[in-house]
Amino acid sequence: MDDEEFKRLRWRCRRGLLENDLVLERFLERYGAQLSEPDTDAFSKLLDYGDKALWELVTRRSEPADPDLLRVVELLRSCRRGNETRRT
C-alpha cells in the first residue's frame, strides 16, 4: 500500500464511536505497513460498516458474513484494549 492509500485509510478510520477510533488506530499502527492487498481490501470493506456493526464484530458479538473479512476482524480484535498480545 502506498502512502496516499494509507492516508486515505487513516482518514476513513475516524468514527463517531471512540472505542472504534481507538481500535482502528491501534490496528493501523500495528499492522498497517504489512497489510497485503487482500487484507487492505477487507479492511476497506470493514470501514464501510456502521459504528455499531463494526463494534459488534470487534467485541465478538457477531461474526462477519463474508469469510474474506475474518482475518482482518481477528487482527482488529487483537487491538482491543485488554486483548493486546505482547510483541517481542
C-alpha atoms as a PDB file:
ATOM      1  CA  MET A   1       0.000   0.000   0.000  1.00  0.00           C
ATOM      2  CA  ASP A   2       1.404   3.386  -0.918  1.00  0.00           C
ATOM      3  CA  ASP A   3       1.492   6.418   1.343  1.00  0.00           C
ATOM      4  CA  GLU A   4      -1.580   8.057  -0.214  1.00  0.00           C
ATOM      5  CA  GLU A   5      -3.693   4.932   0.211  1.00  0.00           C
ATOM      6  CA  PHE A   6      -2.530   4.644   3.813  1.00  0.00           C
ATOM      7  CA  LYS A   7      -3.547   8.267   4.457  1.00  0.00           C
ATOM      8  CA  ARG A   8      -6.980   7.639   2.924  1.00  0.00           C
ATOM      9  CA  LEU A   9      -7.485   4.571   5.122  1.00  0.00           C
ATOM     10  CA  ARG A  10      -6.380   6.509   8.212  1.00  0.00           C
ATOM     11  CA  TRP A  11      -8.884   9.262   7.368  1.00  0.00           C
ATOM     12  CA  ARG A  12     -11.673   6.685   6.942  1.00  0.00           C
ATOM     13  CA  CYS A  13     -10.876   5.309  10.406  1.00  0.00           C
ATOM     14  CA  ARG A  14     -12.308   8.420  12.048  1.00  0.00           C
ATOM     15  CA  ARG A  15     -15.505   7.212  13.671  1.00  0.00           C
ATOM     16  CA  GLY A  16     -18.287   8.528  15.832  1.00  0.00           C
ATOM     17  CA  LEU A  17     -17.686   5.825  18.422  1.00  0.00           C
ATOM     18  CA  LEU A  18     -14.474   6.448  20.385  1.00  0.00           C
ATOM     19  CA  GLU A  19     -13.917   2.747  21.039  1.00  0.00           C
ATOM     20  CA  ASN A  20     -13.813   2.070  17.286  1.00  0.00           C
ATOM     21  CA  ASP A  21     -11.441   5.026  16.798  1.00  0.00           C
ATOM     22  CA  LEU A  22      -9.022   3.544  19.320  1.00  0.00           C
ATOM     23  CA  VAL A  23      -9.127   0.017  17.900  1.00  0.00           C
ATOM     24  CA  LEU A  24      -8.730   1.219  14.318  1.00  0.00           C
ATOM     25  CA  GLU A  25      -5.822   3.484  15.253  1.00  0.00           C
ATOM     26  CA  ARG A  26      -4.049   0.633  17.084  1.00  0.00           C
ATOM     27  CA  PHE A  27      -4.699  -1.637  14.116  1.00  0.00           C
ATOM     28  CA  LEU A  28      -3.082   0.766  11.661  1.00  0.00           C
ATOM     29  CA  GLU A  29      -0.118   1.377  13.939  1.00  0.00           C
ATOM     30  CA  ARG A  30       0.452  -2.326  14.432  1.00  0.00           C
ATOM     31  CA  TYR A  31      -0.442  -3.841  11.069  1.00  0.00           C
ATOM     32  CA  GLY A  32      -0.882  -1.038   8.524  1.00  0.00           C
ATOM     33  CA  ALA A  33       2.583  -1.244   6.981  1.00  0.00           C
ATOM     34  CA  GLN A  34       2.386  -5.009   6.475  1.00  0.00           C
ATOM     35  CA  LEU A  35      -1.149  -5.424   5.111  1.00  0.00           C
ATOM     36  CA  SER A  36      -1.420  -7.460   1.935  1.00  0.00           C
ATOM     37  CA  GLU A  37      -3.673  -6.274  -0.866  1.00  0.00           C
ATOM     38  CA  PRO A  38      -6.486  -8.697   0.137  1.00  0.00           C
ATOM     39  CA  ASP A  39      -6.176  -7.540   3.772  1.00  0.00           C
ATOM     40  CA  THR A  40      -6.281  -3.904   2.683  1.00  0.00           C
ATOM     41  CA  ASP A  41      -9.407  -4.631   0.635  1.00  0.00           C
ATOM     42  CA  ALA A  42     -11.017  -6.419   3.586  1.00  0.00           C
ATOM     43  CA  PHE A  43     -10.134  -3.550   5.937  1.00  0.00           C
ATOM     44  CA  SER A  44     -11.629  -1.071   3.489  1.00  0.00           C
ATOM     45  CA  LYS A  45     -14.853  -3.118   3.385  1.00  0.00           C
ATOM     46  CA  LEU A  46     -14.984  -3.135   7.184  1.00  0.00           C
ATOM     47  CA  LEU A  47     -14.661   0.654   7.214  1.00  0.00           C
ATOM     48  CA  ASP A  48     -17.936   0.771   5.267  1.00  0.00           C
ATOM     49  CA  TYR A  49     -19.694  -0.819   8.260  1.00  0.00           C
ATOM     50  CA  GLY A  50     -21.600   1.408  10.648  1.00  0.00           C
ATOM     51  CA  ASP A  51     -20.161   2.027  14.097  1.00  0.00           C
ATOM     52  CA  LYS A  52     -22.472  -0.392  15.877  1.00  0.00           C
ATOM     53  CA  ALA A  53     -21.932  -3.231  13.395  1.00  0.00           C
ATOM     54  CA  LEU A  54     -18.166  -2.747  13.457  1.00  0.00           C
ATOM     55  CA  TRP A  55     -18.048  -2.677  17.259  1.00  0.00           C
ATOM     56  CA  GLU A  56     -20.111  -5.863  17.438  1.00  0.00           C
ATOM     57  CA  LEU A  57     -17.549  -7.585  15.215  1.00  0.00           C
ATOM     58  CA  VAL A  58     -14.654  -6.316  17.341  1.00  0.00           C
ATOM     59  CA  THR A  59     -16.308  -7.437  20.585  1.00  0.00           C
ATOM     60  CA  ARG A  60     -17.255 -10.864  19.184  1.00  0.00           C
ATOM     61  CA  ARG A  61     -20.980 -10.195  19.477  1.00  0.00           C
ATOM     62  CA  SER A  62     -21.214 -11.015  15.775  1.00  0.00           C
ATOM     63  CA  GLU A  63     -19.143 -12.684  13.100  1.00  0.00           C
ATOM     64  CA  PRO A  64     -18.540 -11.379   9.594  1.00  0.00           C
ATOM     65  CA  ALA A  65     -20.874 -12.817   6.969  1.00  0.00           C
ATOM     66  CA  ASP A  66     -18.064 -12.553   4.420  1.00  0.00           C
ATOM     67  CA  PRO A  67     -15.313 -15.105   5.215  1.00  0.00           C
ATOM     68  CA  ASP A  68     -12.768 -12.888   3.414  1.00  0.00           C
ATOM     69  CA  LEU A  69     -13.084 -10.408   6.295  1.00  0.00           C
ATOM     70  CA  LEU A  70     -12.348 -12.859   9.096  1.00  0.00           C
ATOM     71  CA  ARG A  71      -8.552 -12.477   9.145  1.00  0.00           C
ATOM     72  CA  VAL A  72      -8.735  -8.690   9.448  1.00  0.00           C
ATOM     73  CA  VAL A  73     -11.537  -8.916  12.020  1.00  0.00           C
ATOM     74  CA  GLU A  74      -9.294 -11.161  14.130  1.00  0.00           C
ATOM     75  CA  LEU A  75      -6.465  -8.618  13.834  1.00  0.00           C
ATOM     76  CA  LEU A  76      -8.863  -5.847  14.887  1.00  0.00           C
ATOM     77  CA  ARG A  77      -9.937  -7.934  17.859  1.00  0.00           C
ATOM     78  CA  SER A  78      -6.311  -8.274  18.915  1.00  0.00           C
ATOM     79  CA  CYS A  79      -6.094  -4.467  19.042  1.00  0.00           C
ATOM     80  CA  ARG A  80      -8.931  -4.058  21.521  1.00  0.00           C
ATOM     81  CA  ARG A  81      -7.771  -2.918  24.950  1.00  0.00           C
ATOM     82  CA  GLY A  82      -7.297  -5.945  27.160  1.00  0.00           C
ATOM     83  CA  ASN A  83      -6.803  -8.208  24.154  1.00  0.00           C
ATOM     84  CA  GLU A  84      -3.346  -6.985  23.215  1.00  0.00           C
ATOM     85  CA  THR A  85      -0.663  -9.569  22.972  1.00  0.00           C
ATOM     86  CA  ARG A  86       2.902  -8.658  23.797  1.00  0.00           C
ATOM     87  CA  ARG A  87       5.101  -8.168  20.795  1.00  0.00           C
ATOM     88  CA  THR A  88       8.624  -9.468  21.030  1.00  0.00           C
END
